[in-house]
Structure formats: structure tokens, C-alpha cells
Amino acid sequence: GGKGGVRMFATVDSSYATHDDLKSHS
């Protein structure tokens, strides 16, 4: 919640092949 009231929003972030095993992460 918060002073802005109940508003729903979302975020998405991804990284591609940034790890030693070449797996992506989101």
C-alpha cells in the first residue's frame, strides 16, 4: 500500500547468458 493508494504495477528484468553456465536469468 502507501499514500498513493492501491495501484498495481509490475516490473520485468532479464539478463541473457551472463553467468558461467551461460544460462539466462529473469
All heavy atoms as atom14 arrays in JSON, in Angstrom:
{
  "sequence": "GGKGGVRMFATVDSSYATHDDLKSHS",
  "atom14_mask": [
    [1, 1, 1, 1, 0, 0, 0, 0, 0, 0, 0, 0, 0, 0],
    [1, 1, 1, 1, 0, 0, 0, 0, 0, 0, 0, 0, 0, 0],
    [1, 1, 1, 1, 1, 1, 1, 1, 1, 0, 0, 0, 0, 0],
    [1, 1, 1, 1, 0, 0, 0, 0, 0, 0, 0, 0, 0, 0],
    [1, 1, 1, 1, 0, 0, 0, 0, 0, 0, 0, 0, 0, 0],
    [1, 1, 1, 1, 1, 1, 1, 0, 0, 0, 0, 0, 0, 0],
    [1, 1, 1, 1, 1, 1, 1, 1, 1, 1, 1, 0, 0, 0],
    [1, 1, 1, 1, 1, 1, 1, 1, 0, 0, 0, 0, 0, 0],
    [1, 1, 1, 1, 1, 1, 1, 1, 1, 1, 1, 0, 0, 0],
    [1, 1, 1, 1, 1, 0, 0, 0, 0, 0, 0, 0, 0, 0],
    [1, 1, 1, 1, 1, 1, 1, 0, 0, 0, 0, 0, 0, 0],
    [1, 1, 1, 1, 1, 1, 1, 0, 0, 0, 0, 0, 0, 0],
    [1, 1, 1, 1, 1, 1, 1, 1, 0, 0, 0, 0, 0, 0],
    [1, 1, 1, 1, 1, 1, 0, 0, 0, 0, 0, 0, 0, 0],
    [1, 1, 1, 1, 1, 1, 0, 0, 0, 0, 0, 0, 0, 0],
    [1, 1, 1, 1, 1, 1, 1, 1, 1, 1, 1, 1, 0, 0],
    [1, 1, 1, 1, 1, 0, 0, 0, 0, 0, 0, 0, 0, 0],
    [1, 1, 1, 1, 1, 1, 1, 0, 0, 0, 0, 0, 0, 0],
    [1, 1, 1, 1, 1, 1, 1, 1, 1, 1, 0, 0, 0, 0],
    [1, 1, 1, 1, 1, 1, 1, 1, 0, 0, 0, 0, 0, 0],
    [1, 1, 1, 1, 1, 1, 1, 1, 0, 0, 0, 0, 0, 0],
    [1, 1, 1, 1, 1, 1, 1, 1, 0, 0, 0, 0, 0, 0],
    [1, 1, 1, 1, 1, 1, 1, 1, 1, 0, 0, 0, 0, 0],
    [1, 1, 1, 1, 1, 1, 0, 0, 0, 0, 0, 0, 0, 0],
    [1, 1, 1, 1, 1, 1, 1, 1, 1, 1, 0, 0, 0, 0],
    [1, 1, 1, 1, 1, 1, 0, 0, 0, 0, 0, 0, 0, 0]
  ],
  "atom14_positions": [
    [[0.83, -1.2, 0.0], [0.0, 0.0, 0.0], [0.87, 1.24, 0.0], [1.96, 1.26, -0.56], [0.0, 0.0, 0.0], [0.0, 0.0, 0.0], [0.0, 0.0, 0.0], [0.0, 0.0, 0.0], [0.0, 0.0, 0.0], [0.0, 0.0, 0.0], [0.0, 0.0, 0.0], [0.0, 0.0, 0.0], [0.0, 0.0, 0.0], [0.0, 0.0, 0.0]],
    [[0.38, 2.3, 0.63], [1.12, 3.56, 0.71], [0.21, 4.74, 0.46], [-0.98, 4.59, 0.16], [0.0, 0.0, 0.0], [0.0, 0.0, 0.0], [0.0, 0.0, 0.0], [0.0, 0.0, 0.0], [0.0, 0.0, 0.0], [0.0, 0.0, 0.0], [0.0, 0.0, 0.0], [0.0, 0.0, 0.0], [0.0, 0.0, 0.0], [0.0, 0.0, 0.0]],
    [[0.76, 5.94, 0.58], [-0.04, 7.16, 0.43], [-0.66, 7.28, -0.95], [-1.67, 7.94, -1.11], [0.82, 8.38, 0.73], [1.08, 8.55, 2.21], [1.33, 10.0, 2.52], [1.52, 10.18, 4.0], [0.34, 10.67, 4.66], [0.0, 0.0, 0.0], [0.0, 0.0, 0.0], [0.0, 0.0, 0.0], [0.0, 0.0, 0.0], [0.0, 0.0, 0.0]],
    [[-0.05, 6.69, -1.96], [-0.58, 6.78, -3.31], [-1.82, 5.94, -3.53], [-2.37, 5.92, -4.62], [0.0, 0.0, 0.0], [0.0, 0.0, 0.0], [0.0, 0.0, 0.0], [0.0, 0.0, 0.0], [0.0, 0.0, 0.0], [0.0, 0.0, 0.0], [0.0, 0.0, 0.0], [0.0, 0.0, 0.0], [0.0, 0.0, 0.0], [0.0, 0.0, 0.0]],
    [[-2.27, 5.24, -2.51], [-3.44, 4.39, -2.66], [-3.07, 3.04, -3.23], [-1.89, 2.72, -3.42], [0.0, 0.0, 0.0], [0.0, 0.0, 0.0], [0.0, 0.0, 0.0], [0.0, 0.0, 0.0], [0.0, 0.0, 0.0], [0.0, 0.0, 0.0], [0.0, 0.0, 0.0], [0.0, 0.0, 0.0], [0.0, 0.0, 0.0], [0.0, 0.0, 0.0]],
    [[-4.05, 2.25, -3.51], [-3.81, 0.92, -4.02], [-3.79, 0.98, -5.54], [-4.82, 1.07, -6.19], [-4.87, -0.07, -3.51], [-4.63, -1.45, -4.1], [-4.84, -0.14, -2.0], [0.0, 0.0, 0.0], [0.0, 0.0, 0.0], [0.0, 0.0, 0.0], [0.0, 0.0, 0.0], [0.0, 0.0, 0.0], [0.0, 0.0, 0.0], [0.0, 0.0, 0.0]],
    [[-2.59, 0.99, -6.09], [-2.39, 0.91, -7.53], [-1.49, -0.28, -7.77], [-0.53, -0.5, -7.04], [-1.71, 2.18, -8.06], [-2.54, 3.43, -7.91], [-1.76, 4.63, -8.35], [-0.52, 4.67, -7.59], [0.58, 5.3, -7.97], [0.62, 5.95, -9.09], [1.66, 5.29, -7.22], [0.0, 0.0, 0.0], [0.0, 0.0, 0.0], [0.0, 0.0, 0.0]],
    [[-1.76, -1.04, -8.77], [-0.96, -2.22, -9.06], [-0.11, -1.96, -10.29], [-0.58, -1.45, -11.29], [-1.87, -3.42, -9.31], [-1.1, -4.72, -9.42], [-2.17, -6.15, -9.68], [-3.07, -6.2, -8.16], [0.0, 0.0, 0.0], [0.0, 0.0, 0.0], [0.0, 0.0, 0.0], [0.0, 0.0, 0.0], [0.0, 0.0, 0.0], [0.0, 0.0, 0.0]],
    [[1.18, -2.25, -10.17], [2.06, -2.18, -11.33], [3.12, -3.26, -11.19], [3.32, -3.8, -10.11], [2.69, -0.78, -11.5], [3.61, -0.37, -10.38], [4.98, -0.51, -10.49], [3.09, 0.17, -9.21], [5.82, -0.12, -9.47], [3.94, 0.56, -8.18], [5.31, 0.42, -8.31], [0.0, 0.0, 0.0], [0.0, 0.0, 0.0], [0.0, 0.0, 0.0]],
    [[3.78, -3.57, -12.29], [4.75, -4.67, -12.3], [6.01, -4.24, -13.03], [6.01, -3.3, -13.82], [4.14, -5.89, -12.98], [0.0, 0.0, 0.0], [0.0, 0.0, 0.0], [0.0, 0.0, 0.0], [0.0, 0.0, 0.0], [0.0, 0.0, 0.0], [0.0, 0.0, 0.0], [0.0, 0.0, 0.0], [0.0, 0.0, 0.0], [0.0, 0.0, 0.0]],
    [[7.1, -4.95, -12.74], [8.37, -4.74, -13.44], [8.89, -6.09, -13.91], [8.59, -7.13, -13.33], [9.43, -4.11, -12.51], [9.67, -5.0, -11.41], [8.96, -2.78, -11.96], [0.0, 0.0, 0.0], [0.0, 0.0, 0.0], [0.0, 0.0, 0.0], [0.0, 0.0, 0.0], [0.0, 0.0, 0.0], [0.0, 0.0, 0.0], [0.0, 0.0, 0.0]],
    [[9.68, -6.06, -14.97], [10.31, -7.27, -15.5], [11.74, -6.92, -15.87], [12.0, -5.86, -16.43], [9.57, -7.8, -16.76], [10.27, -9.02, -17.33], [8.13, -8.11, -16.44], [0.0, 0.0, 0.0], [0.0, 0.0, 0.0], [0.0, 0.0, 0.0], [0.0, 0.0, 0.0], [0.0, 0.0, 0.0], [0.0, 0.0, 0.0], [0.0, 0.0, 0.0]],
    [[12.68, -7.8, -15.55], [14.07, -7.58, -15.9], [14.67, -8.92, -16.31], [14.35, -9.95, -15.73], [14.84, -7.0, -14.71], [16.25, -6.58, -15.08], [16.52, -6.4, -16.28], [17.07, -6.43, -14.17], [0.0, 0.0, 0.0], [0.0, 0.0, 0.0], [0.0, 0.0, 0.0], [0.0, 0.0, 0.0], [0.0, 0.0, 0.0], [0.0, 0.0, 0.0]],
    [[15.52, -8.9, -17.31], [16.15, -10.13, -17.79], [17.62, -9.89, -18.07], [18.02, -8.8, -18.42], [15.49, -10.62, -19.09], [14.16, -10.95, -18.85], [0.0, 0.0, 0.0], [0.0, 0.0, 0.0], [0.0, 0.0, 0.0], [0.0, 0.0, 0.0], [0.0, 0.0, 0.0], [0.0, 0.0, 0.0], [0.0, 0.0, 0.0], [0.0, 0.0, 0.0]],
    [[18.41, -10.91, -17.89], [19.8, -10.89, -18.32], [20.03, -12.15, -19.14], [19.5, -13.2, -18.84], [20.75, -10.86, -17.11], [20.61, -12.04, -16.36], [0.0, 0.0, 0.0], [0.0, 0.0, 0.0], [0.0, 0.0, 0.0], [0.0, 0.0, 0.0], [0.0, 0.0, 0.0], [0.0, 0.0, 0.0], [0.0, 0.0, 0.0], [0.0, 0.0, 0.0]],
    [[20.81, -12.04, -20.18], [20.99, -13.15, -21.1], [22.42, -13.67, -21.07], [23.36, -12.92, -21.34], [20.6, -12.74, -22.53], [19.15, -12.4, -22.61], [18.74, -11.08, -22.56], [18.18, -13.39, -22.68], [17.39, -10.76, -22.6], [16.83, -13.08, -22.72], [16.45, -11.76, -22.69], [15.11, -11.45, -22.71], [0.0, 0.0, 0.0], [0.0, 0.0, 0.0]],
    [[22.58, -14.92, -20.71], [23.88, -15.62, -20.73], [24.95, -14.86, -19.97], [26.08, -14.78, -20.41], [24.3, -15.89, -22.17], [0.0, 0.0, 0.0], [0.0, 0.0, 0.0], [0.0, 0.0, 0.0], [0.0, 0.0, 0.0], [0.0, 0.0, 0.0], [0.0, 0.0, 0.0], [0.0, 0.0, 0.0], [0.0, 0.0, 0.0], [0.0, 0.0, 0.0]],
    [[24.6, -14.31, -18.82], [25.57, -13.54, -18.04], [26.3, -14.37, -17.0], [27.16, -13.86, -16.31], [24.87, -12.37, -17.33], [23.85, -12.9, -16.48], [24.29, -11.38, -18.31], [0.0, 0.0, 0.0], [0.0, 0.0, 0.0], [0.0, 0.0, 0.0], [0.0, 0.0, 0.0], [0.0, 0.0, 0.0], [0.0, 0.0, 0.0], [0.0, 0.0, 0.0]],
    [[25.99, -15.64, -16.9], [26.59, -16.48, -15.88], [27.52, -17.52, -16.53], [27.45, -17.78, -17.72], [25.49, -17.17, -15.07], [24.51, -16.19, -14.51], [24.83, -15.34, -13.48], [23.25, -15.88, -14.87], [23.81, -14.57, -13.23], [22.83, -14.87, -14.06], [0.0, 0.0, 0.0], [0.0, 0.0, 0.0], [0.0, 0.0, 0.0], [0.0, 0.0, 0.0]],
    [[28.37, -18.08, -15.71], [29.37, -19.04, -16.21], [28.73, -20.21, -16.96], [29.32, -20.74, -17.89], [30.22, -19.58, -15.06], [31.08, -18.49, -14.43], [31.33, -17.46, -15.11], [31.5, -18.67, -13.28], [0.0, 0.0, 0.0], [0.0, 0.0, 0.0], [0.0, 0.0, 0.0], [0.0, 0.0, 0.0], [0.0, 0.0, 0.0], [0.0, 0.0, 0.0]],
    [[27.53, -20.62, -16.55], [26.89, -21.75, -17.22], [26.08, -21.32, -18.45], [25.36, -22.11, -19.03], [26.0, -22.53, -16.25], [24.89, -21.67, -15.65], [24.76, -20.48, -16.02], [24.13, -22.2, -14.83], [0.0, 0.0, 0.0], [0.0, 0.0, 0.0], [0.0, 0.0, 0.0], [0.0, 0.0, 0.0], [0.0, 0.0, 0.0], [0.0, 0.0, 0.0]],
    [[26.18, -20.04, -18.83], [25.5, -19.46, -20.0], [23.99, -19.58, -19.91], [23.31, -19.69, -20.92], [26.03, -20.04, -21.3], [27.5, -19.75, -21.59], [27.92, -20.39, -22.89], [27.75, -18.25, -21.64], [0.0, 0.0, 0.0], [0.0, 0.0, 0.0], [0.0, 0.0, 0.0], [0.0, 0.0, 0.0], [0.0, 0.0, 0.0], [0.0, 0.0, 0.0]],
    [[23.46, -19.55, -18.7], [22.01, -19.57, -18.5], [21.52, -18.13, -18.35], [22.19, -17.28, -17.79], [21.63, -20.36, -17.25], [22.1, -21.79, -17.25], [21.31, -22.62, -18.21], [21.76, -24.07, -18.11], [21.11, -24.93, -19.03], [0.0, 0.0, 0.0], [0.0, 0.0, 0.0], [0.0, 0.0, 0.0], [0.0, 0.0, 0.0], [0.0, 0.0, 0.0]],
    [[20.34, -17.87, -18.86], [19.73, -16.56, -18.7], [18.99, -16.5, -17.38], [18.67, -17.53, -16.78], [18.76, -16.29, -19.84], [19.45, -16.23, -21.06], [0.0, 0.0, 0.0], [0.0, 0.0, 0.0], [0.0, 0.0, 0.0], [0.0, 0.0, 0.0], [0.0, 0.0, 0.0], [0.0, 0.0, 0.0], [0.0, 0.0, 0.0], [0.0, 0.0, 0.0]],
    [[18.71, -15.31, -16.94], [18.05, -15.12, -15.67], [17.02, -14.01, -15.83], [17.32, -12.97, -16.4], [19.08, -14.72, -14.62], [18.58, -14.83, -13.23], [18.64, -15.99, -12.52], [17.99, -13.93, -12.41], [18.13, -15.8, -11.31], [17.73, -14.56, -11.23], [0.0, 0.0, 0.0], [0.0, 0.0, 0.0], [0.0, 0.0, 0.0], [0.0, 0.0, 0.0]],
    [[15.8, -14.23, -15.39], [14.79, -13.18, -15.47], [14.09, -13.06, -14.12], [14.07, -13.99, -13.33], [13.78, -13.48, -16.57], [13.1, -14.67, -16.3], [0.0, 0.0, 0.0], [0.0, 0.0, 0.0], [0.0, 0.0, 0.0], [0.0, 0.0, 0.0], [0.0, 0.0, 0.0], [0.0, 0.0, 0.0], [0.0, 0.0, 0.0], [0.0, 0.0, 0.0]]
  ]
}
